[in-house]
């Protein structure tokens, strides 16, 4: 694959922690060979210092490979509003391409959404999106900050790019186990036949983080948990768990089914929280009501899921970092004389460990006692520790022109519509201690049990 990576926001955390390490791993595995990097930032820096920041996020670094990447990289200082300087950027890109004999361009906007339109328009005015090979442009989540802004951004982009050039990233869709959800469902008839209102009691989607907002203070205070996590990661997982089987397992058909779910999704109840000490964080507004925790009860009003509650739980400064989907099945009738057994459930572990397991019931040896037992699949145990990371998967998909794990306009707009409805109500934001969560969230799920907050 030959390509010039043109990365806006190259001095930020996302580029250092995710994008540059992903390029390194792809280079190490031989998946990219003829490539160059043009790293763009607003600060006066050099390429060596920009890439140096990413070293600590690369495991067992091969300094020879890293040096090769540095030699193929260039830094360009640019104020994203400076229309004149985009012409200079164009000259640098052409110079790099001529030297590297590369014709394809991948523009990666690792910036805040308020820069998406400005950068795209300036690229178009300078003719940078028209070249001999393909041009693709990548936008990081969140895509906008509400329905109105998302529609405006999409309208602007469609004047400049064709839809097949636009890649809207939700990095959770690059995770191996998230991608595995559809395969787990649609290649195993035993699961697909019972994932419906006849057998499922409820579903929990949990994305909790032990860390606070360190390093993301200004951004996070503007967005909060609903916009930063629920609108994208959680609604995407919800769609994958609950969608109908597509007529064909291709990108457009899959996204058609995800949109149908979001159109039928309803918000039943919400609990919001903010951890104690949040207001003392750097760059957080005094008296900020930004939520660092959100728990939702949702329903999907269609023939498959009507009456089954979906519970979403996410927060910062939690006791543990966990990402899991917990599907609890209805308790079977008592036919064996002993009735104090637990319901079955399927748990899909997204992080920190990857895999899934089912809890079943079995008789203990020698006595008529029912005990829970597990049937387990450990992803790393089977495929080893070198499974591709999310951003590696995403970059490969972009380079290959595969849009299956990227988000379409109508998905984004349906998700924002749901979030806007919550925001309109200006709900109370409960305070909670670090390492815990608002107790009001327990009342949300009380009728069905409790939150499944353990790793296994």
Protein backbone atom coordinates (compact mmCIF):
# COMPACT_ATOMS: atom_id res chain seq x y z
CA UNK A 1 0.00 0.00 0.00
CA UNK A 2 1.48 3.37 -0.98
CA UNK A 3 0.16 6.42 0.81
CA UNK A 4 1.01 9.81 2.27
CA UNK A 5 -0.45 10.19 5.77
CA UNK A 6 -1.34 13.88 6.25
CA UNK A 7 -2.18 14.20 9.93
CA UNK A 8 -3.78 17.35 11.36
CA UNK A 9 -3.51 17.63 15.15
CA UNK A 10 -0.25 15.66 15.05
CA UNK A 11 1.00 17.18 18.32
CA UNK A 12 -2.02 15.98 20.32
CA UNK A 13 -2.53 12.98 22.59
CA UNK A 14 -4.49 10.96 20.04
CA UNK A 15 -1.69 11.10 17.47
CA UNK A 16 0.98 10.25 20.06
CA UNK A 17 -0.94 7.46 21.80
CA UNK A 18 -2.79 5.84 18.90
CA UNK A 19 -2.08 7.02 15.35
CA UNK A 20 1.75 7.05 15.24
CA UNK A 21 2.04 3.75 17.18
CA UNK A 22 -0.45 2.17 14.73
CA UNK A 23 1.67 3.31 11.77
CA UNK A 24 4.75 1.88 13.52
CA UNK A 25 3.12 -1.54 14.05
CA UNK A 26 1.88 -1.66 10.44
CA UNK A 27 5.39 -0.83 9.22
CA UNK A 28 6.89 -3.49 11.51
CA UNK A 29 4.49 -6.12 10.17
CA UNK A 30 5.23 -5.13 6.56
CA UNK A 31 1.65 -4.01 5.92
CA UNK A 32 2.77 -0.58 4.71
CA UNK A 33 5.98 -0.02 2.76
CA UNK A 34 5.91 2.94 0.38
CA UNK A 35 4.60 5.68 2.66
CA UNK A 36 5.39 9.12 4.08
CA UNK A 37 4.00 11.19 6.93
CA UNK A 38 3.24 14.90 6.89
CA UNK A 39 2.51 15.82 10.51
CA UNK A 40 0.67 19.12 10.96
CA UNK A 41 0.33 21.13 14.16
CA UNK A 42 -0.08 24.70 15.32
CA UNK A 43 3.04 24.74 17.51
CA UNK A 44 6.61 25.48 16.40
CA UNK A 45 8.17 22.01 16.65
CA UNK A 46 10.26 19.57 14.62
CA UNK A 47 9.29 16.10 13.45
CA UNK A 48 11.70 14.30 15.76
CA UNK A 49 10.19 15.84 18.91
CA UNK A 50 6.65 15.17 17.64
CA UNK A 51 7.30 11.47 17.01
CA UNK A 52 9.43 11.07 20.14
CA UNK A 53 6.27 11.50 22.27
CA UNK A 54 4.80 8.31 20.79
CA UNK A 55 7.75 6.10 21.80
CA UNK A 56 6.43 5.33 25.28
CA UNK A 57 3.20 3.97 23.78
CA UNK A 58 5.03 1.43 21.60
CA UNK A 59 5.83 -1.91 23.23
CA UNK A 60 9.24 -3.51 22.61
CA UNK A 61 10.19 -0.77 20.19
CA UNK A 62 12.61 -1.57 17.37
CA UNK A 63 14.68 1.61 17.14
CA UNK A 64 15.74 0.83 13.57
CA UNK A 65 12.12 0.72 12.38
CA UNK A 66 11.28 3.84 14.38
CA UNK A 67 14.23 5.68 12.77
CA UNK A 68 12.99 4.63 9.32
CA UNK A 69 9.60 6.17 10.12
CA UNK A 70 11.24 9.41 11.32
CA UNK A 71 13.21 9.58 8.05
CA UNK A 72 9.96 9.33 6.07
CA UNK A 73 8.23 12.03 8.12
CA UNK A 74 7.97 15.82 7.92
CA UNK A 75 6.50 18.45 10.24
CA UNK A 76 4.54 21.47 9.02
CA UNK A 77 3.43 24.28 11.33
CA UNK A 78 -0.02 25.56 10.40
CA UNK A 79 -2.76 27.64 11.94
CA UNK A 80 -5.81 25.80 10.63
CA UNK A 81 -7.44 29.16 9.70
CA UNK A 82 -4.44 30.36 7.66
CA UNK A 83 -5.76 29.92 4.10
CA UNK A 84 -2.55 31.19 2.46
CA UNK A 85 -0.29 28.69 4.20
CA UNK A 86 -2.30 25.73 2.83
CA UNK A 87 -0.61 26.48 -0.53
CA UNK A 88 2.76 25.93 1.15
CA UNK A 89 1.42 22.70 2.63
CA UNK A 90 0.42 21.61 -0.88
CA UNK A 91 3.95 22.19 -2.16
CA UNK A 92 5.40 20.12 0.69
CA UNK A 93 2.97 17.25 -0.01
CA UNK A 94 3.86 17.29 -3.73
CA UNK A 95 7.58 17.30 -2.91
CA UNK A 96 7.13 14.33 -0.55
CA UNK A 97 5.03 12.43 -3.10
CA UNK A 98 7.51 13.01 -5.93
CA UNK A 99 10.36 11.73 -3.78
CA UNK A 100 8.36 8.72 -2.57
CA UNK A 101 6.60 8.08 -5.91
CA UNK A 102 3.29 7.92 -4.03
CA UNK A 103 -0.05 9.15 -5.42
CA UNK A 104 -2.54 8.34 -2.64
CA UNK A 105 -3.44 10.77 0.17
CA UNK A 106 -4.95 9.98 3.54
CA UNK A 107 -5.99 13.15 5.40
CA UNK A 108 -6.47 12.42 9.11
CA UNK A 109 -8.20 15.10 11.21
CA UNK A 110 -7.24 14.27 14.81
CA UNK A 111 -8.70 17.60 15.90
CA UNK A 112 -11.76 18.95 17.66
CA UNK A 113 -14.95 18.98 15.53
CA UNK A 114 -14.98 22.78 15.28
CA UNK A 115 -11.98 22.51 12.92
CA UNK A 116 -13.49 19.89 10.58
CA UNK A 117 -15.19 22.34 8.23
CA UNK A 118 -12.36 24.91 8.14
CA UNK A 119 -9.70 22.35 7.34
CA UNK A 120 -11.83 20.57 4.71
CA UNK A 121 -12.76 23.83 2.97
CA UNK A 122 -9.14 25.04 2.92
CA UNK A 123 -7.93 21.71 1.54
CA UNK A 124 -10.51 21.98 -1.25
CA UNK A 125 -9.72 25.63 -2.08
CA UNK A 126 -6.04 24.77 -2.54
CA UNK A 127 -6.82 21.72 -4.67
CA UNK A 128 -5.25 19.31 -2.20
CA UNK A 129 -8.07 16.76 -2.40
CA UNK A 130 -7.59 16.33 -6.15
CA UNK A 131 -4.60 14.17 -7.00
CA UNK A 132 -3.61 11.31 -9.31
CA UNK A 133 -4.44 8.55 -6.83
CA UNK A 134 -7.21 8.33 -4.22
CA UNK A 135 -7.91 10.90 -1.51
CA UNK A 136 -9.60 9.81 1.71
CA UNK A 137 -10.37 11.91 4.75
CA UNK A 138 -10.74 10.64 8.31
CA UNK A 139 -12.67 12.37 11.09
CA UNK A 140 -12.33 11.42 14.75
CA UNK A 141 -15.28 11.25 17.10
CA UNK A 142 -17.18 13.15 18.33
CA UNK A 143 -18.61 14.23 14.99
CA UNK A 144 -20.17 17.52 16.04
CA UNK A 145 -21.55 18.41 19.45
CA UNK A 146 -25.29 18.04 18.77
CA UNK A 147 -27.65 17.16 15.92
CA UNK A 148 -27.58 20.65 14.42
CA UNK A 149 -23.77 20.85 14.26
CA UNK A 150 -23.47 17.28 12.91
CA UNK A 151 -25.88 18.10 10.08
CA UNK A 152 -24.01 21.31 9.28
CA UNK A 153 -20.64 19.52 9.16
CA UNK A 154 -22.05 16.74 6.98
CA UNK A 155 -23.57 19.29 4.59
CA UNK A 156 -20.21 21.06 4.24
CA UNK A 157 -18.28 17.83 3.69
CA UNK A 158 -20.64 16.57 1.01
CA UNK A 159 -19.88 19.67 -1.07
CA UNK A 160 -16.20 18.73 -1.05
CA UNK A 161 -15.99 14.94 -0.81
CA UNK A 162 -17.93 11.97 -2.08
CA UNK A 163 -19.38 9.78 0.69
CA UNK A 164 -17.00 6.94 -0.22
CA UNK A 165 -14.05 9.26 0.56
CA UNK A 166 -15.25 10.08 4.09
CA UNK A 167 -14.29 7.87 7.05
CA UNK A 168 -15.90 8.77 10.37
CA UNK A 169 -14.01 6.89 13.07
CA UNK A 170 -15.37 5.35 16.22
CA UNK A 171 -12.27 3.56 17.47
CA UNK A 172 -14.33 1.04 19.46
CA UNK A 173 -15.40 -0.41 16.11
CA UNK A 174 -11.76 -1.26 15.49
CA UNK A 175 -11.53 -3.48 18.59
CA UNK A 176 -11.32 -7.18 17.77
CA UNK A 177 -14.08 -8.22 20.17
CA UNK A 178 -16.43 -5.46 19.01
CA UNK A 179 -15.90 -6.64 15.43
CA UNK A 180 -16.50 -10.17 16.71
CA UNK A 181 -20.02 -9.34 17.94
CA UNK A 182 -21.59 -9.80 14.51
CA UNK A 183 -19.64 -13.01 13.89
CA UNK A 184 -20.62 -14.35 17.30
CA UNK A 185 -24.26 -13.65 16.53
CA UNK A 186 -24.61 -14.56 12.89
CA UNK A 187 -22.28 -17.56 12.57
CA UNK A 188 -23.62 -19.33 15.68
CA UNK A 189 -27.28 -20.27 15.37
CA UNK A 190 -27.46 -21.13 19.08
CA UNK A 191 -26.92 -17.46 19.97
CA UNK A 192 -28.93 -15.75 17.27
CA UNK A 193 -31.97 -17.91 17.94
CA UNK A 194 -32.16 -16.81 21.61
CA UNK A 195 -31.22 -13.12 21.33
CA UNK A 196 -34.75 -11.77 21.47
CA UNK A 197 -37.57 -10.85 23.87
CA UNK A 198 -38.61 -14.49 24.36
CA UNK A 199 -35.36 -15.43 26.09
CA UNK A 200 -33.48 -12.25 27.10
CA UNK A 201 -34.30 -10.62 30.44
CA UNK A 202 -32.11 -7.55 29.93
CA UNK A 203 -28.85 -6.31 28.40
CA UNK A 204 -26.11 -4.25 30.08
CA UNK A 205 -23.42 -2.31 28.21
CA UNK A 206 -20.69 -1.13 30.59
CA UNK A 207 -17.74 1.12 29.73
CA UNK A 208 -16.15 2.29 32.99
CA UNK A 209 -12.77 4.00 33.39
CA UNK A 210 -10.64 4.16 36.51
CA UNK A 211 -8.89 7.34 35.35
CA UNK A 212 -10.39 10.81 35.58
CA UNK A 213 -10.10 13.42 32.83
CA UNK A 214 -6.37 14.16 33.14
CA UNK A 215 -4.99 15.49 29.87
CA UNK A 216 -8.45 16.07 28.37
CA UNK A 217 -9.82 18.69 30.78
CA UNK A 218 -10.81 21.47 28.35
CA UNK A 219 -12.25 19.08 25.80
CA UNK A 220 -14.08 16.91 28.31
CA UNK A 221 -15.75 19.80 30.11
CA UNK A 222 -17.25 20.83 26.78
CA UNK A 223 -18.62 17.36 26.02
CA UNK A 224 -19.07 15.10 29.06
CA UNK A 225 -19.93 11.40 29.24
CA UNK A 226 -23.08 11.54 27.10
CA UNK A 227 -21.39 13.18 24.13
CA UNK A 228 -17.95 11.63 24.58
CA UNK A 229 -18.94 7.98 25.10
CA UNK A 230 -22.69 7.28 24.95
CA UNK A 231 -23.40 9.00 21.61
CA UNK A 232 -20.74 7.01 19.81
CA UNK A 233 -19.18 3.94 21.50
CA UNK A 234 -22.23 2.82 23.48
CA UNK A 235 -24.84 3.41 20.79
CA UNK A 236 -22.66 1.57 18.27
CA UNK A 237 -22.34 -1.45 20.57
CA UNK A 238 -26.09 -1.28 21.26
CA UNK A 239 -26.73 -1.38 17.51
CA UNK A 240 -24.42 -4.35 16.90
CA UNK A 241 -25.98 -6.36 19.74
CA UNK A 242 -29.57 -5.71 18.72
CA UNK A 243 -29.64 -5.27 14.92
CA UNK A 244 -31.26 -7.75 12.55
CA UNK A 245 -29.10 -9.87 10.26
CA UNK A 246 -28.23 -7.86 7.13
CA UNK A 247 -29.23 -9.30 3.76
CA UNK A 248 -25.54 -9.36 2.92
CA UNK A 249 -22.52 -8.90 5.22
CA UNK A 250 -21.24 -5.76 3.47
CA UNK A 251 -20.69 -2.27 4.84
CA UNK A 252 -23.83 -0.52 3.55
CA UNK A 253 -26.19 -3.37 4.49
CA UNK A 254 -24.72 -3.60 8.00
CA UNK A 255 -25.10 0.14 8.52
CA UNK A 256 -28.66 0.04 7.19
CA UNK A 257 -29.56 -2.37 10.00
CA UNK A 258 -27.76 -0.30 12.66
CA UNK A 259 -29.72 2.79 11.63
CA UNK A 260 -33.00 0.87 11.96
CA UNK A 261 -32.12 0.08 15.59
CA UNK A 262 -31.31 3.71 16.43
CA UNK A 263 -34.58 4.87 14.87
CA UNK A 264 -36.49 2.49 17.16
CA UNK A 265 -34.42 3.22 20.30
CA UNK A 266 -36.07 5.13 23.14
CA UNK A 267 -34.62 6.70 26.32
CA UNK A 268 -36.65 5.52 29.33
CA UNK A 269 -34.62 6.89 32.25
CA UNK A 270 -31.27 8.59 32.89
CA UNK A 271 -28.99 9.14 35.91
CA UNK A 272 -26.07 11.56 35.60
CA UNK A 273 -23.15 12.12 37.97
CA UNK A 274 -19.96 14.11 38.48
CA UNK A 275 -17.05 12.87 40.58
CA UNK A 276 -16.00 14.88 43.62
CA UNK A 277 -12.98 17.02 42.81
CA UNK A 278 -13.92 17.43 39.14
CA UNK A 279 -14.43 21.18 39.59
CA UNK A 280 -10.82 21.45 40.82
CA UNK A 281 -9.43 19.92 37.63
CA UNK A 282 -7.39 22.13 35.32
CA UNK A 283 -9.41 24.06 32.65
CA UNK A 284 -12.78 22.98 34.10
CA UNK A 285 -15.32 25.81 34.39
CA UNK A 286 -16.36 26.92 37.86
CA UNK A 287 -19.79 25.51 38.70
CA UNK A 288 -19.60 23.20 35.65
CA UNK A 289 -22.53 20.76 35.40
CA UNK A 290 -20.71 18.50 32.96
CA UNK A 291 -21.44 14.85 33.74
CA UNK A 292 -18.56 12.40 34.20
CA UNK A 293 -21.02 9.52 34.69
CA UNK A 294 -24.14 8.43 32.84
CA UNK A 295 -26.49 5.47 33.32
CA UNK A 296 -29.36 4.98 30.90
CA UNK A 297 -32.32 2.66 30.62
CA UNK A 298 -33.32 2.25 26.99
CA UNK A 299 -35.83 0.25 25.00
CA UNK A 300 -36.04 -0.80 21.36
CA UNK A 301 -39.60 -0.75 20.10
CA UNK A 302 -39.54 -3.48 17.49
CA UNK A 303 -40.81 -7.04 17.26
CA UNK A 304 -37.51 -8.59 18.38
CA UNK A 305 -36.81 -6.51 21.50
CA UNK A 306 -40.06 -4.94 22.67
CA UNK A 307 -40.17 -5.09 26.49
CA UNK A 308 -36.46 -5.89 26.97
CA UNK A 309 -34.57 -3.13 28.83
CA UNK A 310 -31.08 -2.12 27.70
CA UNK A 311 -28.97 -0.57 30.46
CA UNK A 312 -25.95 1.60 29.66
CA UNK A 313 -23.35 2.46 32.32
CA UNK A 314 -20.28 4.64 31.78
CA UNK A 315 -18.14 6.88 33.93
CA UNK A 316 -14.79 8.37 34.83
CA UNK A 317 -12.99 7.79 38.17
CA UNK A 318 -14.68 4.41 38.61
CA UNK A 319 -13.34 1.59 40.80
CA UNK A 320 -12.14 -0.40 37.77
CA UNK A 321 -11.69 0.03 34.04
CA UNK A 322 -14.09 -2.42 32.40
CA UNK A 323 -15.68 -2.68 28.97
CA UNK A 324 -18.25 -5.45 28.73
CA UNK A 325 -21.60 -6.47 27.29
CA UNK A 326 -23.72 -8.54 29.69
CA UNK A 327 -26.74 -10.33 28.18
CA UNK A 328 -28.84 -11.89 30.94
CA UNK A 329 -31.37 -14.54 30.00
CA UNK A 330 -34.69 -15.23 31.66
CA UNK A 331 -34.62 -17.72 34.51
CA UNK A 332 -35.94 -21.13 33.39
CA UNK A 333 -38.90 -22.80 35.06
CA UNK A 334 -38.18 -24.80 38.21
CA UNK A 335 -38.41 -28.43 37.09
CA UNK A 336 -35.52 -30.11 38.94
CA UNK A 337 -36.73 -29.75 42.53
CA UNK A 338 -33.92 -27.33 43.35
CA UNK A 339 -34.89 -23.83 42.31
CA UNK A 340 -32.27 -21.51 43.80
CA UNK A 341 -30.09 -21.36 40.68
CA UNK A 342 -28.85 -18.28 38.90
CA UNK A 343 -30.00 -17.13 35.46
CA UNK A 344 -27.76 -17.85 32.46
CA UNK A 345 -25.89 -15.01 30.86
CA UNK A 346 -23.51 -14.29 28.00
CA UNK A 347 -20.70 -11.87 28.83
CA UNK A 348 -18.65 -10.31 26.02
CA UNK A 349 -15.41 -8.88 27.42
CA UNK A 350 -14.04 -5.95 25.39
CA UNK A 351 -11.36 -4.76 27.87
CA UNK A 352 -9.05 -5.20 29.68
CA UNK A 353 -9.23 -8.91 28.82
CA UNK A 354 -10.81 -9.88 25.51
CA UNK A 355 -13.12 -12.84 25.07
CA UNK A 356 -16.56 -14.05 26.04
CA UNK A 357 -18.11 -16.62 28.31
CA UNK A 358 -21.48 -18.10 29.19
CA UNK A 359 -22.64 -18.84 32.69
CA UNK A 360 -24.67 -22.05 32.84
CA UNK A 361 -26.03 -24.20 35.67
CA UNK A 362 -24.85 -27.72 36.53
CA UNK A 363 -25.23 -30.23 39.36
CA UNK A 364 -22.44 -30.33 41.93
CA UNK A 365 -20.82 -33.79 42.34
CA UNK A 366 -22.62 -36.16 44.71
CA UNK A 367 -25.36 -33.78 45.84
CA UNK A 368 -28.50 -32.25 44.39
CA UNK A 369 -27.05 -28.75 44.47
CA UNK A 370 -27.06 -26.50 41.43
CA UNK A 371 -23.86 -24.51 40.88
CA UNK A 372 -22.95 -21.93 38.20
CA UNK A 373 -20.29 -23.02 35.68
CA UNK A 374 -18.63 -21.16 32.83
CA UNK A 375 -17.94 -21.94 29.19
CA UNK A 376 -15.18 -19.54 28.22
CA UNK A 377 -13.31 -18.24 25.16
CA UNK A 378 -10.10 -16.28 25.80
CA UNK A 379 -9.11 -14.28 22.71
CA UNK A 380 -5.46 -13.69 23.64
CA UNK A 381 -5.07 -17.32 24.78
CA UNK A 382 -6.10 -18.49 21.31
CA UNK A 383 -4.44 -15.89 19.09
CA UNK A 384 -1.59 -14.65 21.30
CA UNK A 385 -0.68 -11.16 22.46
CA UNK A 386 0.06 -9.79 18.97
CA UNK A 387 -3.57 -9.34 17.94
CA UNK A 388 -3.90 -6.11 15.91
CA UNK A 389 -4.80 -3.06 17.98
CA UNK A 390 -7.93 -1.04 17.16
CA UNK A 391 -6.14 1.72 15.26
CA UNK A 392 -4.11 -0.78 13.24
CA UNK A 393 -7.36 -2.39 12.09
CA UNK A 394 -8.90 0.99 11.30
CA UNK A 395 -5.92 2.24 9.27
CA UNK A 396 -5.81 -0.99 7.26
CA UNK A 397 -9.55 -0.68 6.56
CA UNK A 398 -9.07 2.91 5.35
CA UNK A 399 -6.12 2.01 3.13
CA UNK A 400 -8.14 -0.86 1.62
CA UNK A 401 -11.24 1.32 1.15
CA UNK A 402 -13.34 -0.90 3.45
CA UNK A 403 -16.00 1.18 5.25
CA UNK A 404 -17.65 -1.64 7.23
CA UNK A 405 -16.45 -0.40 10.64
CA UNK A 406 -16.96 3.31 9.98
CA UNK A 407 -20.01 5.37 10.81
CA UNK A 408 -22.43 6.77 8.26
CA UNK A 409 -24.14 10.18 8.33
CA UNK A 410 -27.57 8.88 9.29
CA UNK A 411 -26.15 6.79 12.17
CA UNK A 412 -24.49 9.88 13.62
CA UNK A 413 -27.60 12.00 13.26
CA UNK A 414 -29.91 9.43 14.86
CA UNK A 415 -27.48 9.08 17.78
CA UNK A 416 -27.29 12.85 18.28
CA UNK A 417 -31.07 13.09 18.20
CA UNK A 418 -31.24 10.73 21.20
CA UNK A 419 -28.58 12.68 23.12
CA UNK A 420 -30.24 16.03 22.37
CA UNK A 421 -33.48 14.73 23.89
CA UNK A 422 -31.64 13.93 27.14
CA UNK A 423 -29.84 17.28 27.19
CA UNK A 424 -33.11 19.20 26.75
CA UNK A 425 -34.32 17.97 30.14
CA UNK A 426 -31.40 19.51 32.09
CA UNK A 427 -31.32 16.62 34.55
CA UNK A 428 -29.84 16.77 38.03
CA UNK A 429 -26.16 15.79 38.18
CA UNK A 430 -25.43 13.71 41.30
CA UNK A 431 -22.08 13.88 43.08
CA UNK A 432 -20.08 10.69 43.67
CA UNK A 433 -16.76 9.77 45.26
CA UNK A 434 -13.88 8.61 43.09
CA UNK A 435 -13.90 4.82 42.95
CA UNK A 436 -17.70 4.64 43.13
CA UNK A 437 -20.74 5.91 41.21
CA UNK A 438 -24.05 7.66 42.05
CA UNK A 439 -26.24 5.30 44.10
CA UNK A 440 -29.26 6.55 42.15
CA UNK A 441 -27.97 4.44 39.25
CA UNK A 442 -28.81 1.29 41.25
CA UNK A 443 -32.50 2.20 41.32
CA UNK A 444 -32.43 2.31 37.53
CA UNK A 445 -31.67 -1.40 37.27
CA UNK A 446 -33.11 -2.62 40.60
CA UNK A 447 -36.11 -4.42 39.08
CA UNK A 448 -33.75 -6.61 37.00
CA UNK A 449 -30.87 -7.12 39.45
CA UNK A 450 -27.62 -5.16 39.72
CA UNK A 451 -24.83 -3.81 37.55
CA UNK A 452 -22.40 -6.43 36.27
CA UNK A 453 -19.24 -4.54 37.25
CA UNK A 454 -16.83 -7.42 37.71
CA UNK A 455 -14.36 -8.40 35.00
CA UNK A 456 -15.33 -12.09 35.07
